[in-house]
Amino acid sequence: MSSIENNISSVDFEMIRSVLDDAGYDASVLVEDQCLFDTAALLVTKLFLSGVDSRSALAAKLECQLGRAGTHRHRLSLSLSRYAIQGFPLESQANKS
């Protein structure tokens, strides 16, 4: 990573960090899901190094490929998988009929 850091100025590094922060990939995501944070950081860094230097373009590509960070993404997928296997709780089924 040190070779990448040598090619990115401190101003550009701050812009990349702000793009990540604005999309929700901040310190809390780093603590909760380091793999997701690393994926987002690597994506934005690679896009920047490939010539995408507009803050709005980086943010748009990040949102398009990974979406905004948030705990709802994991919780939703876990709860839907559970219901796919077990079916909806009896209370939910009673309310639907």
C-alpha atoms as a PDB file:
ATOM      1  CA  MET A   1       0.000   0.000   0.000  1.00  0.00           C
ATOM      2  CA  SER A   2       2.957   2.327   0.515  1.00  0.00           C
ATOM      3  CA  SER A   3       3.538   2.573  -3.248  1.00  0.00           C
ATOM      4  CA  ILE A   4      -0.063   3.730  -3.692  1.00  0.00           C
ATOM      5  CA  GLU A   5       0.313   6.284  -0.910  1.00  0.00           C
ATOM      6  CA  ASN A   6       3.337   7.773  -2.697  1.00  0.00           C
ATOM      7  CA  ASN A   7       1.226   8.409  -5.822  1.00  0.00           C
ATOM      8  CA  ILE A   8      -1.651  10.137  -3.997  1.00  0.00           C
ATOM      9  CA  SER A   9      -1.235  13.619  -2.564  1.00  0.00           C
ATOM     10  CA  SER A  10      -2.614  14.485   0.854  1.00  0.00           C
ATOM     11  CA  VAL A  11      -5.340  16.618  -0.754  1.00  0.00           C
ATOM     12  CA  ASP A  12      -6.402  13.716  -2.981  1.00  0.00           C
ATOM     13  CA  PHE A  13      -6.278  11.323  -0.034  1.00  0.00           C
ATOM     14  CA  GLU A  14      -8.628  13.597   1.923  1.00  0.00           C
ATOM     15  CA  MET A  15     -11.007  13.736  -1.053  1.00  0.00           C
ATOM     16  CA  ILE A  16     -11.048   9.929  -1.273  1.00  0.00           C
ATOM     17  CA  ARG A  17     -11.678   9.713   2.475  1.00  0.00           C
ATOM     18  CA  SER A  18     -14.524  12.225   2.262  1.00  0.00           C
ATOM     19  CA  VAL A  19     -16.139  10.255  -0.592  1.00  0.00           C
ATOM     20  CA  LEU A  20     -16.023   7.151   1.596  1.00  0.00           C
ATOM     21  CA  ASP A  21     -17.346   9.030   4.651  1.00  0.00           C
ATOM     22  CA  ASP A  22     -20.227  10.582   2.703  1.00  0.00           C
ATOM     23  CA  ALA A  23     -21.258   7.152   1.436  1.00  0.00           C
ATOM     24  CA  GLY A  24     -21.288   5.834   5.002  1.00  0.00           C
ATOM     25  CA  TYR A  25     -17.967   4.001   4.889  1.00  0.00           C
ATOM     26  CA  ASP A  26     -16.534   5.565   8.034  1.00  0.00           C
ATOM     27  CA  ALA A  27     -14.794   4.341  11.181  1.00  0.00           C
ATOM     28  CA  SER A  28     -17.894   2.534  12.441  1.00  0.00           C
ATOM     29  CA  VAL A  29     -18.023   0.390   9.290  1.00  0.00           C
ATOM     30  CA  LEU A  30     -14.304  -0.284   9.639  1.00  0.00           C
ATOM     31  CA  VAL A  31     -14.930  -1.665  13.121  1.00  0.00           C
ATOM     32  CA  GLU A  32     -18.085  -3.639  12.208  1.00  0.00           C
ATOM     33  CA  ASP A  33     -17.102  -4.993   8.795  1.00  0.00           C
ATOM     34  CA  GLN A  34     -13.493  -4.408   7.832  1.00  0.00           C
ATOM     35  CA  CYS A  35     -13.865  -6.406   4.609  1.00  0.00           C
ATOM     36  CA  LEU A  36     -16.668  -4.133   3.363  1.00  0.00           C
ATOM     37  CA  PHE A  37     -14.691  -1.013   4.274  1.00  0.00           C
ATOM     38  CA  ASP A  38     -11.550  -2.343   2.579  1.00  0.00           C
ATOM     39  CA  THR A  39     -13.514  -3.208  -0.558  1.00  0.00           C
ATOM     40  CA  ALA A  40     -14.974   0.300  -0.758  1.00  0.00           C
ATOM     41  CA  ALA A  41     -11.615   1.954  -0.088  1.00  0.00           C
ATOM     42  CA  LEU A  42      -9.872  -0.190  -2.689  1.00  0.00           C
ATOM     43  CA  LEU A  43     -12.576   0.517  -5.278  1.00  0.00           C
ATOM     44  CA  VAL A  44     -12.399   4.288  -4.820  1.00  0.00           C
ATOM     45  CA  THR A  45      -8.591   4.260  -4.781  1.00  0.00           C
ATOM     46  CA  LYS A  46      -8.374   2.181  -7.962  1.00  0.00           C
ATOM     47  CA  LEU A  47     -10.906   4.426  -9.690  1.00  0.00           C
ATOM     48  CA  PHE A  48      -8.910   7.484  -8.676  1.00  0.00           C
ATOM     49  CA  LEU A  49      -5.630   5.996  -9.874  1.00  0.00           C
ATOM     50  CA  SER A  50      -7.255   5.047 -13.185  1.00  0.00           C
ATOM     51  CA  GLY A  51      -8.086   8.686 -13.827  1.00  0.00           C
ATOM     52  CA  VAL A  52     -11.478   9.285 -12.203  1.00  0.00           C
ATOM     53  CA  ASP A  53     -10.620  12.393 -10.208  1.00  0.00           C
ATOM     54  CA  SER A  54     -14.039  14.005  -9.847  1.00  0.00           C
ATOM     55  CA  ARG A  55     -15.496  13.691  -6.359  1.00  0.00           C
ATOM     56  CA  SER A  56     -19.029  13.293  -7.720  1.00  0.00           C
ATOM     57  CA  ALA A  57     -17.954  10.646 -10.250  1.00  0.00           C
ATOM     58  CA  LEU A  58     -16.176   8.643  -7.544  1.00  0.00           C
ATOM     59  CA  ALA A  59     -19.226   8.853  -5.289  1.00  0.00           C
ATOM     60  CA  ALA A  60     -21.571   7.792  -8.102  1.00  0.00           C
ATOM     61  CA  LYS A  61     -19.431   4.788  -9.062  1.00  0.00           C
ATOM     62  CA  LEU A  62     -19.096   3.737  -5.416  1.00  0.00           C
ATOM     63  CA  GLU A  63     -22.843   3.906  -4.871  1.00  0.00           C
ATOM     64  CA  CYS A  64     -23.529   2.097  -8.138  1.00  0.00           C
ATOM     65  CA  GLN A  65     -21.170  -0.789  -7.389  1.00  0.00           C
ATOM     66  CA  LEU A  66     -21.442  -1.174  -3.607  1.00  0.00           C
ATOM     67  CA  GLY A  67     -24.303   1.038  -2.480  1.00  0.00           C
ATOM     68  CA  ARG A  68     -24.306   3.091   0.681  1.00  0.00           C
ATOM     69  CA  ALA A  69     -22.894   1.493   3.798  1.00  0.00           C
ATOM     70  CA  GLY A  70     -25.265   0.703   6.599  1.00  0.00           C
ATOM     71  CA  THR A  71     -26.208  -2.016   8.989  1.00  0.00           C
ATOM     72  CA  HIS A  72     -29.599  -2.451   7.298  1.00  0.00           C
ATOM     73  CA  ARG A  73     -27.916  -4.218   4.369  1.00  0.00           C
ATOM     74  CA  HIS A  74     -26.730  -7.121   6.527  1.00  0.00           C
ATOM     75  CA  ARG A  75     -29.736  -7.347   8.798  1.00  0.00           C
ATOM     76  CA  LEU A  76     -32.177  -7.393   5.908  1.00  0.00           C
ATOM     77  CA  SER A  77     -30.383 -10.202   4.104  1.00  0.00           C
ATOM     78  CA  LEU A  78     -30.073 -12.256   7.293  1.00  0.00           C
ATOM     79  CA  SER A  79     -33.739 -11.875   8.198  1.00  0.00           C
ATOM     80  CA  LEU A  80     -34.931 -12.674   4.684  1.00  0.00           C
ATOM     81  CA  SER A  81     -32.800 -15.811   4.559  1.00  0.00           C
ATOM     82  CA  ARG A  82     -34.281 -16.931   7.844  1.00  0.00           C
ATOM     83  CA  TYR A  83     -37.848 -16.430   6.607  1.00  0.00           C
ATOM     84  CA  ALA A  84     -37.060 -18.195   3.336  1.00  0.00           C
ATOM     85  CA  ILE A  85     -36.070 -21.267   5.309  1.00  0.00           C
ATOM     86  CA  GLN A  86     -38.494 -21.125   8.260  1.00  0.00           C
ATOM     87  CA  GLY A  87     -41.442 -19.220   6.817  1.00  0.00           C
ATOM     88  CA  PHE A  88     -43.020 -16.132   8.328  1.00  0.00           C
ATOM     89  CA  PRO A  89     -43.890 -16.114  12.052  1.00  0.00           C
ATOM     90  CA  LEU A  90     -47.456 -17.112  12.888  1.00  0.00           C
ATOM     91  CA  GLU A  91     -48.326 -13.541  13.992  1.00  0.00           C
ATOM     92  CA  SER A  92     -47.388 -12.187  10.549  1.00  0.00           C
ATOM     93  CA  GLN A  93     -49.403 -14.865   8.777  1.00  0.00           C
ATOM     94  CA  ALA A  94     -52.482 -14.152  10.925  1.00  0.00           C
ATOM     95  CA  ASN A  95     -52.314 -10.421  10.134  1.00  0.00           C
ATOM     96  CA  LYS A  96     -52.195 -11.080   6.374  1.00  0.00           C
ATOM     97  CA  SER A  97     -55.412 -13.102   6.280  1.00  0.00           C
END
